[in-house]
Amino acid sequence: MRLMPLLFVAALAASAAQANESAYSDRNLDACKTLSQEDEGPSITLECAGYKDFPVYFKEGDLRQSQAYGPVGKAWLDEAFESFGPFNHTNATIEWRLAADGKPVAAIVRWFVSDPETTSDTDTRYGQVLVVSTVATAQNPTSCVVGYVDALENKDANILARKVADEEAHDFACGMAEPQWHGARGRLAGEPMRYLPQAVE
């Protein structure tokens, strides 16, 4: 009779050992390598240090930003741009969700999305959205958005974003599956926009 509780405790310990953990990095735009820059727009693509040997690719155009993570393929790097319709910018801190082998499977970043109805030279109100993205690998060189969590409308937004990362990122098919909102969504969250390559590499 005592075997069942012991087996249950062992199962819980094994499950906890396999649970994803978080690591953090800070993106420094001044230290990034410029990959391309256009005067019209203007637009820029940067390669930045990320987590260990997994880089961060930062893009900005028309006061909107996009980020991808890991060794993304050329088509994805050149053509993909996932952001929001309103003007926006990203937080420099990146939360990486790590699998049991220590490799990142997802990245979580806070986006600040301006409210077009209140934006002015002196007063801009921002929504805040946690954006969960996949991390590219050599076998699957694509990185894209998995889901969104409105950080202002959900009390435990960070916990919810980690849940989305842990449960959905590992088998999310970029270019085929559609990212979804999770939890409550308020008016300031903004409407996502995305441009992806026609064919996945």
N, C-alpha and C. Protein backbone atom coordinates (compact mmCIF):
# COMPACT_ATOMS: atom_id res chain seq x y z
N MET A 1 0.82 -1.21 0.00
CA MET A 1 0.00 0.00 0.00
C MET A 1 0.86 1.27 0.00
N ARG A 2 2.08 1.17 0.50
CA ARG A 2 2.92 2.36 0.57
C ARG A 2 3.63 2.65 -0.75
N LEU A 3 3.55 1.71 -1.71
CA LEU A 3 4.24 1.89 -2.98
C LEU A 3 3.59 2.99 -3.81
N MET A 4 2.27 3.10 -3.73
CA MET A 4 1.57 4.07 -4.55
C MET A 4 1.99 5.51 -4.22
N PRO A 5 2.01 5.92 -2.95
CA PRO A 5 2.47 7.28 -2.67
C PRO A 5 3.91 7.51 -3.10
N LEU A 6 4.78 6.50 -2.91
CA LEU A 6 6.17 6.65 -3.30
C LEU A 6 6.30 6.80 -4.80
N LEU A 7 5.53 6.00 -5.53
CA LEU A 7 5.57 6.10 -7.00
C LEU A 7 5.02 7.46 -7.45
N PHE A 8 4.00 7.95 -6.77
CA PHE A 8 3.41 9.24 -7.11
C PHE A 8 4.41 10.38 -6.89
N VAL A 9 5.12 10.31 -5.76
CA VAL A 9 6.14 11.32 -5.46
C VAL A 9 7.26 11.26 -6.48
N ALA A 10 7.67 10.05 -6.87
CA ALA A 10 8.73 9.90 -7.86
C ALA A 10 8.30 10.46 -9.21
N ALA A 11 7.04 10.23 -9.56
CA ALA A 11 6.53 10.76 -10.83
C ALA A 11 6.51 12.27 -10.82
N LEU A 12 6.12 12.85 -9.67
CA LEU A 12 6.12 14.31 -9.56
C LEU A 12 7.53 14.87 -9.66
N ALA A 13 8.48 14.19 -9.06
CA ALA A 13 9.87 14.65 -9.11
C ALA A 13 10.40 14.60 -10.53
N ALA A 14 10.07 13.52 -11.25
CA ALA A 14 10.51 13.39 -12.63
C ALA A 14 9.90 14.47 -13.50
N SER A 15 8.60 14.75 -13.25
CA SER A 15 7.92 15.79 -14.02
C SER A 15 8.54 17.15 -13.76
N ALA A 16 8.85 17.42 -12.49
CA ALA A 16 9.47 18.71 -12.15
C ALA A 16 10.83 18.85 -12.79
N ALA A 17 11.57 17.74 -12.86
CA ALA A 17 12.91 17.79 -13.44
C ALA A 17 12.85 18.10 -14.93
N GLN A 18 11.72 17.70 -15.57
CA GLN A 18 11.59 17.90 -17.01
C GLN A 18 10.94 19.24 -17.35
N ALA A 19 10.45 19.96 -16.33
CA ALA A 19 9.78 21.23 -16.58
C ALA A 19 10.75 22.25 -17.15
N ASN A 20 10.23 23.08 -18.06
CA ASN A 20 11.07 24.11 -18.64
C ASN A 20 11.47 25.16 -17.60
N GLU A 21 12.63 25.74 -17.80
CA GLU A 21 13.12 26.81 -16.94
C GLU A 21 13.38 28.04 -17.79
N SER A 22 13.63 29.16 -17.13
CA SER A 22 13.86 30.41 -17.84
C SER A 22 15.30 30.88 -17.70
N ALA A 23 15.79 31.49 -18.77
CA ALA A 23 17.06 32.22 -18.74
C ALA A 23 16.77 33.57 -19.38
N TYR A 24 17.59 34.56 -19.06
CA TYR A 24 17.31 35.91 -19.53
C TYR A 24 18.54 36.52 -20.21
N SER A 25 18.28 37.34 -21.21
CA SER A 25 19.35 38.11 -21.85
C SER A 25 18.82 39.51 -22.13
N ASP A 26 19.73 40.47 -22.26
CA ASP A 26 19.37 41.85 -22.57
C ASP A 26 19.93 42.22 -23.93
N ARG A 27 19.07 42.60 -24.83
CA ARG A 27 19.48 43.00 -26.17
C ARG A 27 20.03 44.42 -26.14
N ASN A 28 21.23 44.58 -26.67
CA ASN A 28 21.88 45.89 -26.72
C ASN A 28 22.02 46.30 -28.18
N LEU A 29 21.16 47.18 -28.64
CA LEU A 29 21.17 47.56 -30.06
C LEU A 29 22.48 48.21 -30.49
N ASP A 30 23.13 48.90 -29.57
CA ASP A 30 24.39 49.56 -29.91
C ASP A 30 25.51 48.55 -30.18
N ALA A 31 25.36 47.34 -29.67
CA ALA A 31 26.39 46.31 -29.86
C ALA A 31 26.03 45.31 -30.96
N CYS A 32 24.92 45.52 -31.64
CA CYS A 32 24.48 44.59 -32.67
C CYS A 32 25.19 44.85 -34.01
N LYS A 33 25.21 43.83 -34.83
CA LYS A 33 25.80 43.91 -36.17
C LYS A 33 24.71 44.28 -37.18
N THR A 34 24.97 45.30 -38.00
CA THR A 34 24.01 45.70 -39.03
C THR A 34 24.10 44.77 -40.23
N LEU A 35 22.98 44.12 -40.56
CA LEU A 35 22.93 43.22 -41.72
C LEU A 35 22.42 43.93 -42.96
N SER A 36 21.48 44.83 -42.78
CA SER A 36 20.96 45.61 -43.92
C SER A 36 20.32 46.88 -43.38
N GLN A 37 20.35 47.92 -44.22
CA GLN A 37 19.75 49.19 -43.84
C GLN A 37 19.32 49.93 -45.09
N GLU A 38 18.09 50.43 -45.06
CA GLU A 38 17.54 51.17 -46.18
C GLU A 38 17.17 52.57 -45.73
N ASP A 39 17.46 53.54 -46.58
CA ASP A 39 17.15 54.93 -46.26
C ASP A 39 15.66 55.20 -46.36
N GLU A 40 15.01 54.52 -47.32
CA GLU A 40 13.58 54.73 -47.50
C GLU A 40 12.84 53.92 -46.44
N GLY A 41 12.02 54.56 -45.71
CA GLY A 41 11.29 53.86 -44.66
C GLY A 41 11.40 54.57 -43.33
N PRO A 42 12.59 54.64 -42.67
CA PRO A 42 13.76 53.81 -42.96
C PRO A 42 13.58 52.43 -42.34
N SER A 43 14.39 51.46 -42.72
CA SER A 43 14.30 50.13 -42.14
C SER A 43 15.71 49.60 -41.90
N ILE A 44 15.82 48.70 -40.93
CA ILE A 44 17.12 48.16 -40.56
C ILE A 44 16.95 46.74 -40.05
N THR A 45 17.94 45.90 -40.28
CA THR A 45 17.99 44.54 -39.75
C THR A 45 19.30 44.37 -39.02
N LEU A 46 19.23 43.93 -37.77
CA LEU A 46 20.42 43.76 -36.93
C LEU A 46 20.51 42.33 -36.43
N GLU A 47 21.75 41.89 -36.26
CA GLU A 47 22.00 40.61 -35.58
C GLU A 47 22.59 40.93 -34.21
N CYS A 48 21.93 40.45 -33.16
CA CYS A 48 22.32 40.79 -31.80
C CYS A 48 22.64 39.53 -31.00
N ALA A 49 23.42 39.70 -29.96
CA ALA A 49 23.70 38.59 -29.06
C ALA A 49 22.43 38.20 -28.32
N GLY A 50 22.25 36.89 -28.16
CA GLY A 50 21.08 36.40 -27.46
C GLY A 50 21.45 35.50 -26.30
N TYR A 51 21.01 34.25 -26.38
CA TYR A 51 21.32 33.28 -25.33
C TYR A 51 22.34 32.27 -25.87
N LYS A 52 23.51 32.24 -25.27
CA LYS A 52 24.61 31.37 -25.73
C LYS A 52 24.83 31.61 -27.21
N ASP A 53 24.73 30.56 -28.06
CA ASP A 53 24.98 30.76 -29.48
C ASP A 53 23.70 30.94 -30.29
N PHE A 54 22.61 31.30 -29.61
CA PHE A 54 21.34 31.56 -30.29
C PHE A 54 21.17 33.08 -30.43
N PRO A 55 21.32 33.60 -31.64
CA PRO A 55 21.26 35.05 -31.84
C PRO A 55 19.83 35.58 -31.81
N VAL A 56 19.73 36.90 -31.75
CA VAL A 56 18.47 37.61 -31.89
C VAL A 56 18.55 38.47 -33.14
N TYR A 57 17.53 38.39 -33.99
CA TYR A 57 17.48 39.22 -35.19
C TYR A 57 16.40 40.28 -34.99
N PHE A 58 16.85 41.52 -35.01
CA PHE A 58 15.98 42.66 -34.75
C PHE A 58 15.73 43.42 -36.05
N LYS A 59 14.47 43.75 -36.29
CA LYS A 59 14.11 44.55 -37.46
C LYS A 59 13.26 45.73 -37.02
N GLU A 60 13.45 46.85 -37.71
CA GLU A 60 12.59 48.01 -37.47
C GLU A 60 12.31 48.69 -38.79
N GLY A 61 11.06 49.05 -38.99
CA GLY A 61 10.66 49.79 -40.17
C GLY A 61 9.37 50.53 -39.90
N ASP A 62 9.29 51.79 -40.28
CA ASP A 62 8.10 52.61 -40.13
C ASP A 62 7.63 52.62 -38.67
N LEU A 63 8.58 52.75 -37.73
CA LEU A 63 8.30 52.84 -36.30
C LEU A 63 7.60 51.60 -35.76
N ARG A 64 7.88 50.46 -36.39
CA ARG A 64 7.37 49.17 -35.92
C ARG A 64 8.54 48.18 -35.86
N GLN A 65 8.52 47.31 -34.86
CA GLN A 65 9.64 46.41 -34.65
C GLN A 65 9.23 44.95 -34.76
N SER A 66 10.22 44.12 -35.09
CA SER A 66 10.01 42.68 -35.22
C SER A 66 11.27 41.98 -34.72
N GLN A 67 11.11 40.78 -34.16
CA GLN A 67 12.27 40.02 -33.69
C GLN A 67 12.12 38.54 -34.00
N ALA A 68 13.25 37.90 -34.30
CA ALA A 68 13.30 36.46 -34.51
C ALA A 68 14.49 35.92 -33.73
N TYR A 69 14.50 34.62 -33.48
CA TYR A 69 15.46 34.05 -32.55
C TYR A 69 16.05 32.76 -33.09
N GLY A 70 17.37 32.61 -32.87
CA GLY A 70 18.04 31.39 -33.30
C GLY A 70 18.53 31.49 -34.74
N PRO A 71 19.07 30.40 -35.27
CA PRO A 71 19.66 30.39 -36.63
C PRO A 71 18.59 30.33 -37.72
N VAL A 72 17.94 31.45 -37.97
CA VAL A 72 16.88 31.49 -38.99
C VAL A 72 17.47 31.42 -40.39
N GLY A 73 16.72 30.82 -41.32
CA GLY A 73 17.16 30.71 -42.70
C GLY A 73 17.09 32.05 -43.42
N LYS A 74 17.73 32.14 -44.57
CA LYS A 74 17.83 33.41 -45.30
C LYS A 74 16.47 33.97 -45.71
N ALA A 75 15.62 33.10 -46.25
CA ALA A 75 14.30 33.58 -46.68
C ALA A 75 13.51 34.13 -45.50
N TRP A 76 13.59 33.46 -44.38
CA TRP A 76 12.86 33.90 -43.20
C TRP A 76 13.45 35.20 -42.67
N LEU A 77 14.76 35.29 -42.70
CA LEU A 77 15.42 36.50 -42.23
C LEU A 77 15.10 37.69 -43.13
N ASP A 78 15.09 37.48 -44.44
CA ASP A 78 14.87 38.57 -45.38
C ASP A 78 13.42 39.02 -45.45
N GLU A 79 12.48 38.08 -45.34
CA GLU A 79 11.09 38.38 -45.66
C GLU A 79 10.15 38.47 -44.47
N ALA A 80 10.45 37.79 -43.38
CA ALA A 80 9.51 37.75 -42.26
C ALA A 80 9.53 39.06 -41.48
N PHE A 81 8.34 39.51 -41.10
CA PHE A 81 8.21 40.69 -40.25
C PHE A 81 6.89 40.55 -39.49
N GLU A 82 6.99 40.35 -38.18
CA GLU A 82 5.80 40.19 -37.34
C GLU A 82 5.80 41.28 -36.28
N SER A 83 4.74 42.05 -36.25
CA SER A 83 4.69 43.21 -35.36
C SER A 83 3.25 43.50 -35.03
N PHE A 84 2.93 44.79 -34.85
CA PHE A 84 1.57 45.25 -34.61
C PHE A 84 1.27 46.40 -35.55
N GLY A 85 0.00 46.61 -35.85
CA GLY A 85 -0.38 47.69 -36.74
C GLY A 85 0.00 49.07 -36.21
N PRO A 86 -0.31 49.37 -34.93
CA PRO A 86 0.10 50.68 -34.38
C PRO A 86 1.61 50.74 -34.19
N PHE A 87 2.15 51.95 -34.09
CA PHE A 87 3.57 52.11 -33.78
C PHE A 87 3.89 51.36 -32.49
N ASN A 88 5.09 50.80 -32.42
CA ASN A 88 5.41 49.97 -31.26
C ASN A 88 6.92 49.87 -31.07
N HIS A 89 7.31 49.36 -29.91
CA HIS A 89 8.72 49.04 -29.67
C HIS A 89 8.79 47.91 -28.66
N THR A 90 9.92 47.21 -28.66
CA THR A 90 10.10 46.04 -27.81
C THR A 90 10.94 46.35 -26.59
N ASN A 91 10.72 45.59 -25.54
CA ASN A 91 11.57 45.66 -24.36
C ASN A 91 12.90 44.97 -24.68
N ALA A 92 13.97 45.43 -24.05
CA ALA A 92 15.29 44.85 -24.33
C ALA A 92 15.49 43.48 -23.69
N THR A 93 14.74 43.19 -22.63
CA THR A 93 14.90 41.92 -21.92
C THR A 93 14.17 40.81 -22.65
N ILE A 94 14.85 39.69 -22.84
CA ILE A 94 14.28 38.52 -23.50
C ILE A 94 14.29 37.36 -22.50
N GLU A 95 13.13 36.74 -22.33
CA GLU A 95 13.04 35.54 -21.50
C GLU A 95 13.08 34.31 -22.42
N TRP A 96 14.05 33.46 -22.20
CA TRP A 96 14.19 32.24 -22.99
C TRP A 96 13.67 31.06 -22.18
N ARG A 97 12.79 30.28 -22.77
CA ARG A 97 12.31 29.08 -22.10
C ARG A 97 13.16 27.89 -22.56
N LEU A 98 13.76 27.21 -21.60
CA LEU A 98 14.73 26.16 -21.88
C LEU A 98 14.13 24.78 -21.66
N ALA A 99 14.41 23.87 -22.60
CA ALA A 99 13.98 22.49 -22.47
C ALA A 99 14.91 21.76 -21.49
N ALA A 100 14.62 20.48 -21.26
CA ALA A 100 15.41 19.70 -20.31
C ALA A 100 16.88 19.62 -20.69
N ASP A 101 17.17 19.70 -22.01
CA ASP A 101 18.56 19.62 -22.47
C ASP A 101 19.27 20.98 -22.42
N GLY A 102 18.57 22.00 -21.93
CA GLY A 102 19.18 23.33 -21.80
C GLY A 102 19.07 24.20 -23.03
N LYS A 103 18.48 23.70 -24.10
CA LYS A 103 18.35 24.48 -25.33
C LYS A 103 17.04 25.27 -25.31
N PRO A 104 17.07 26.52 -25.80
CA PRO A 104 15.85 27.33 -25.81
C PRO A 104 14.84 26.84 -26.83
N VAL A 105 13.59 26.78 -26.41
CA VAL A 105 12.51 26.36 -27.31
C VAL A 105 11.55 27.50 -27.60
N ALA A 106 11.63 28.57 -26.81
CA ALA A 106 10.74 29.71 -27.03
C ALA A 106 11.37 30.96 -26.43
N ALA A 107 10.92 32.11 -26.92
CA ALA A 107 11.36 33.40 -26.39
C ALA A 107 10.13 34.24 -26.08
N ILE A 108 10.18 34.97 -24.98
CA ILE A 108 9.07 35.83 -24.56
C ILE A 108 9.59 37.26 -24.42
N VAL A 109 8.93 38.19 -25.11
CA VAL A 109 9.35 39.60 -25.09
C VAL A 109 8.12 40.48 -24.92
N ARG A 110 8.27 41.54 -24.15
CA ARG A 110 7.18 42.49 -23.93
C ARG A 110 7.22 43.56 -25.03
N TRP A 111 6.10 43.72 -25.69
CA TRP A 111 5.92 44.75 -26.71
C TRP A 111 5.12 45.91 -26.13
N PHE A 112 5.51 47.13 -26.45
CA PHE A 112 4.77 48.32 -26.07
C PHE A 112 4.09 48.85 -27.33
N VAL A 113 2.77 48.82 -27.34
CA VAL A 113 1.99 49.15 -28.52
C VAL A 113 1.25 50.46 -28.28
N SER A 114 1.53 51.45 -29.11
CA SER A 114 0.93 52.77 -28.90
C SER A 114 -0.55 52.77 -29.23
N ASP A 115 -1.28 53.61 -28.51
CA ASP A 115 -2.71 53.80 -28.76
C ASP A 115 -2.87 54.94 -29.76
N PRO A 116 -3.30 54.66 -30.99
CA PRO A 116 -3.40 55.73 -32.00
C PRO A 116 -4.31 56.87 -31.59
N GLU A 117 -5.28 56.60 -30.71
CA GLU A 117 -6.23 57.64 -30.34
C GLU A 117 -5.64 58.65 -29.36
N THR A 118 -4.54 58.30 -28.70
CA THR A 118 -3.96 59.22 -27.73
C THR A 118 -2.53 59.61 -28.06
N THR A 119 -1.98 59.06 -29.15
CA THR A 119 -0.59 59.35 -29.49
C THR A 119 -0.43 60.80 -29.92
N SER A 120 0.53 61.47 -29.31
CA SER A 120 0.85 62.85 -29.67
C SER A 120 2.30 63.10 -29.33
N ASP A 121 2.76 64.31 -29.60
CA ASP A 121 4.15 64.65 -29.31
C ASP A 121 4.43 64.66 -27.81
N THR A 122 3.40 64.86 -27.01
CA THR A 122 3.60 65.01 -25.57
C THR A 122 2.95 63.91 -24.75
N ASP A 123 2.04 63.13 -25.33
CA ASP A 123 1.31 62.13 -24.56
C ASP A 123 1.03 60.91 -25.41
N THR A 124 1.62 59.79 -25.06
CA THR A 124 1.36 58.54 -25.76
C THR A 124 1.01 57.47 -24.74
N ARG A 125 -0.13 56.85 -24.91
CA ARG A 125 -0.52 55.75 -24.04
C ARG A 125 -0.18 54.43 -24.74
N TYR A 126 0.34 53.48 -23.99
CA TYR A 126 0.78 52.22 -24.57
C TYR A 126 0.05 51.03 -23.96
N GLY A 127 -0.30 50.08 -24.82
CA GLY A 127 -0.67 48.76 -24.37
C GLY A 127 0.60 47.95 -24.19
N GLN A 128 0.52 46.85 -23.47
CA GLN A 128 1.68 45.99 -23.27
C GLN A 128 1.27 44.55 -23.57
N VAL A 129 2.01 43.93 -24.47
CA VAL A 129 1.70 42.57 -24.91
C VAL A 129 2.94 41.69 -24.79
N LEU A 130 2.79 40.55 -24.13
CA LEU A 130 3.85 39.55 -24.10
C LEU A 130 3.73 38.70 -25.35
N VAL A 131 4.77 38.72 -26.17
CA VAL A 131 4.77 37.98 -27.43
C VAL A 131 5.64 36.74 -27.28
N VAL A 132 5.05 35.58 -27.51
CA VAL A 132 5.75 34.30 -27.40
C VAL A 132 6.13 33.84 -28.80
N SER A 133 7.42 33.53 -29.01
CA SER A 133 7.91 33.13 -30.34
C SER A 133 8.69 31.83 -30.25
N THR A 134 8.75 31.12 -31.36
CA THR A 134 9.59 29.94 -31.45
C THR A 134 11.05 30.36 -31.62
N VAL A 135 11.95 29.43 -31.36
CA VAL A 135 13.38 29.64 -31.57
C VAL A 135 13.83 28.71 -32.68
N ALA A 136 14.45 29.26 -33.71
CA ALA A 136 14.89 28.46 -34.84
C ALA A 136 16.01 27.49 -34.44
N THR A 137 16.09 26.39 -35.16
CA THR A 137 17.17 25.42 -34.99
C THR A 137 17.76 25.11 -36.36
N ALA A 138 18.86 24.39 -36.38
CA ALA A 138 19.47 24.00 -37.66
C ALA A 138 18.51 23.11 -38.46
N GLN A 139 17.75 22.29 -37.77
CA GLN A 139 16.80 21.40 -38.43
C GLN A 139 15.53 22.13 -38.88
N ASN A 140 15.16 23.19 -38.18
CA ASN A 140 13.96 23.96 -38.51
C ASN A 140 14.30 25.45 -38.40
N PRO A 141 14.88 26.02 -39.47
CA PRO A 141 15.40 27.39 -39.42
C PRO A 141 14.33 28.47 -39.55
N THR A 142 13.26 28.36 -38.78
CA THR A 142 12.20 29.36 -38.78
C THR A 142 11.92 29.80 -37.35
N SER A 143 11.61 31.07 -37.21
CA SER A 143 11.23 31.63 -35.92
C SER A 143 10.03 32.53 -36.15
N CYS A 144 8.96 32.29 -35.40
CA CYS A 144 7.73 33.05 -35.61
C CYS A 144 6.95 33.16 -34.31
N VAL A 145 5.92 33.99 -34.33
CA VAL A 145 5.10 34.20 -33.16
C VAL A 145 4.16 33.02 -32.94
N VAL A 146 4.11 32.55 -31.70
CA VAL A 146 3.23 31.45 -31.30
C VAL A 146 1.93 31.99 -30.71
N GLY A 147 2.05 33.02 -29.87
CA GLY A 147 0.87 33.54 -29.21
C GLY A 147 1.11 34.87 -28.54
N TYR A 148 0.00 35.49 -28.09
CA TYR A 148 0.03 36.80 -27.46
C TYR A 148 -0.70 36.76 -26.13
N VAL A 149 -0.17 37.52 -25.15
CA VAL A 149 -0.83 37.67 -23.85
C VAL A 149 -0.85 39.16 -23.51
N ASP A 150 -2.04 39.69 -23.29
CA ASP A 150 -2.18 41.10 -22.91
C ASP A 150 -1.69 41.25 -21.47
N ALA A 151 -0.57 41.94 -21.30
CA ALA A 151 0.04 42.05 -19.98
C ALA A 151 -0.72 42.99 -19.05
N LEU A 152 -1.56 43.86 -19.59
CA LEU A 152 -2.32 44.78 -18.77
C LEU A 152 -3.66 44.21 -18.33
N GLU A 153 -4.15 43.22 -19.03
CA GLU A 153 -5.47 42.66 -18.74
C GLU A 153 -5.42 41.35 -17.96
N ASN A 154 -4.25 40.73 -17.87
CA ASN A 154 -4.14 39.45 -17.19
C ASN A 154 -3.20 39.57 -16.00
N LYS A 155 -3.71 39.26 -14.82
CA LYS A 155 -2.95 39.42 -13.59
C LYS A 155 -1.67 38.60 -13.59
N ASP A 156 -1.75 37.36 -14.06
CA ASP A 156 -0.59 36.47 -14.11
C ASP A 156 -0.11 36.30 -15.54
N ALA A 157 0.11 37.44 -16.21
CA ALA A 157 0.45 37.41 -17.63
C ALA A 157 1.74 36.65 -17.91
N ASN A 158 2.75 36.82 -17.07
CA ASN A 158 4.03 36.13 -17.31
C ASN A 158 3.88 34.62 -17.18
N ILE A 159 3.11 34.19 -16.20
CA ILE A 159 2.87 32.75 -16.02
C ILE A 159 2.12 32.19 -17.21
N LEU A 160 1.12 32.91 -17.68
CA LEU A 160 0.36 32.47 -18.84
C LEU A 160 1.23 32.40 -20.08
N ALA A 161 2.10 33.39 -20.28
CA ALA A 161 2.99 33.39 -21.44
C ALA A 161 3.95 32.20 -21.40
N ARG A 162 4.46 31.88 -20.21
CA ARG A 162 5.34 30.70 -20.08
C ARG A 162 4.59 29.42 -20.40
N LYS A 163 3.34 29.34 -19.99
CA LYS A 163 2.52 28.16 -20.29
C LYS A 163 2.35 28.00 -21.79
N VAL A 164 2.07 29.11 -22.47
CA VAL A 164 1.94 29.06 -23.93
C VAL A 164 3.26 28.61 -24.56
N ALA A 165 4.37 29.17 -24.09
CA ALA A 165 5.68 28.81 -24.63
C ALA A 165 5.97 27.33 -24.44
N ASP A 166 5.70 26.81 -23.24
CA ASP A 166 6.05 25.43 -22.92
C ASP A 166 5.16 24.42 -23.64
N GLU A 167 3.91 24.79 -23.86
CA GLU A 167 2.95 23.83 -24.42
C GLU A 167 2.81 23.90 -25.93
N GLU A 168 3.15 25.04 -26.53
CA GLU A 168 2.84 25.19 -27.95
C GLU A 168 4.04 25.44 -28.86
N ALA A 169 5.13 25.95 -28.32
CA ALA A 169 6.23 26.38 -29.19
C ALA A 169 6.95 25.21 -29.85
N HIS A 170 7.10 24.09 -29.16
CA HIS A 170 7.97 23.02 -29.66
C HIS A 170 7.49 22.41 -30.97
N ASP A 171 6.17 22.41 -31.22
CA ASP A 171 5.69 21.82 -32.48
C ASP A 171 4.85 22.80 -33.29
N PHE A 172 5.05 24.10 -33.05
CA PHE A 172 4.30 25.11 -33.80
C PHE A 172 4.88 25.23 -35.21
N ALA A 173 4.03 25.17 -36.21
CA ALA A 173 4.47 25.20 -37.61
C ALA A 173 4.40 26.62 -38.16
N CYS A 174 5.54 27.27 -38.24
CA CYS A 174 5.59 28.64 -38.76
C CYS A 174 5.13 28.68 -40.20
N GLY A 175 4.28 29.63 -40.52
CA GLY A 175 3.77 29.77 -41.87
C GLY A 175 2.53 28.95 -42.14
N MET A 176 2.19 28.06 -41.21
CA MET A 176 1.01 27.22 -41.37
C MET A 176 0.02 27.45 -40.23
N ALA A 177 0.50 27.40 -39.00
CA ALA A 177 -0.36 27.64 -37.85
C ALA A 177 -0.49 29.14 -37.58
N GLU A 178 -1.61 29.55 -37.01
CA GLU A 178 -1.87 30.96 -36.71
C GLU A 178 -1.67 31.20 -35.21
N PRO A 179 -0.90 32.22 -34.85
CA PRO A 179 -0.77 32.55 -33.42
C PRO A 179 -2.10 33.03 -32.86
N GLN A 180 -2.33 32.70 -31.58
CA GLN A 180 -3.59 33.03 -30.95
C GLN A 180 -3.38 33.91 -29.71
N TRP A 181 -4.43 34.64 -29.33
CA TRP A 181 -4.43 35.38 -28.08
C TRP A 181 -4.82 34.43 -26.96
N HIS A 182 -4.21 34.62 -25.79
CA HIS A 182 -4.51 33.78 -24.64
C HIS A 182 -4.88 34.67 -23.47
N GLY A 183 -5.94 34.29 -22.76
CA GLY A 183 -6.42 35.11 -21.65
C GLY A 183 -7.25 36.28 -22.15
N ALA A 184 -7.47 37.25 -21.27
CA ALA A 184 -8.26 38.43 -21.62
C ALA A 184 -7.46 39.35 -22.54
N ARG A 185 -8.18 40.04 -23.41
CA ARG A 185 -7.54 40.98 -24.35
C ARG A 185 -8.25 42.31 -24.29
N GLY A 186 -7.52 43.36 -23.98
CA GLY A 186 -8.10 44.69 -23.88
C GLY A 186 -7.92 45.51 -25.15
N ARG A 187 -8.50 46.70 -25.15
CA ARG A 187 -8.48 47.56 -26.33
C ARG A 187 -7.09 48.03 -26.70
N LEU A 188 -6.21 48.18 -25.70
CA LEU A 188 -4.88 48.72 -25.96
C LEU A 188 -3.89 47.69 -26.49
N ALA A 189 -4.32 46.45 -26.62
CA ALA A 189 -3.40 45.40 -27.05
C ALA A 189 -2.94 45.57 -28.50
N GLY A 190 -3.73 46.22 -29.30
CA GLY A 190 -3.34 46.43 -30.69
C GLY A 190 -3.64 45.22 -31.55
N GLU A 191 -3.61 45.42 -32.85
CA GLU A 191 -3.87 44.35 -33.81
C GLU A 191 -2.56 43.88 -34.41
N PRO A 192 -2.26 42.57 -34.31
CA PRO A 192 -1.00 42.06 -34.88
C PRO A 192 -0.98 42.20 -36.40
N MET A 193 0.23 42.28 -36.94
CA MET A 193 0.43 42.24 -38.38
C MET A 193 1.60 41.32 -38.66
N ARG A 194 1.58 40.64 -39.80
CA ARG A 194 2.69 39.74 -40.10
C ARG A 194 2.86 39.56 -41.60
N TYR A 195 4.13 39.47 -42.00
CA TYR A 195 4.50 39.10 -43.36
C TYR A 195 5.48 37.94 -43.24
N LEU A 196 5.13 36.82 -43.86
CA LEU A 196 5.98 35.62 -43.78
C LEU A 196 6.32 35.12 -45.17
N PRO A 197 7.44 34.41 -45.30
CA PRO A 197 7.77 33.83 -46.61
C PRO A 197 6.69 32.90 -47.10
N GLN A 198 6.56 32.81 -48.40
CA GLN A 198 5.54 31.95 -48.98
C GLN A 198 5.80 30.47 -48.71
N ALA A 199 7.06 30.11 -48.68
CA ALA A 199 7.42 28.71 -48.48
C ALA A 199 8.39 28.59 -47.32
N VAL A 200 8.15 27.63 -46.45
CA VAL A 200 9.05 27.36 -45.34
C VAL A 200 10.26 26.62 -45.86
N GLU A 201 11.45 27.02 -45.44
CA GLU A 201 12.67 26.38 -45.90
C GLU A 201 12.76 24.95 -45.39
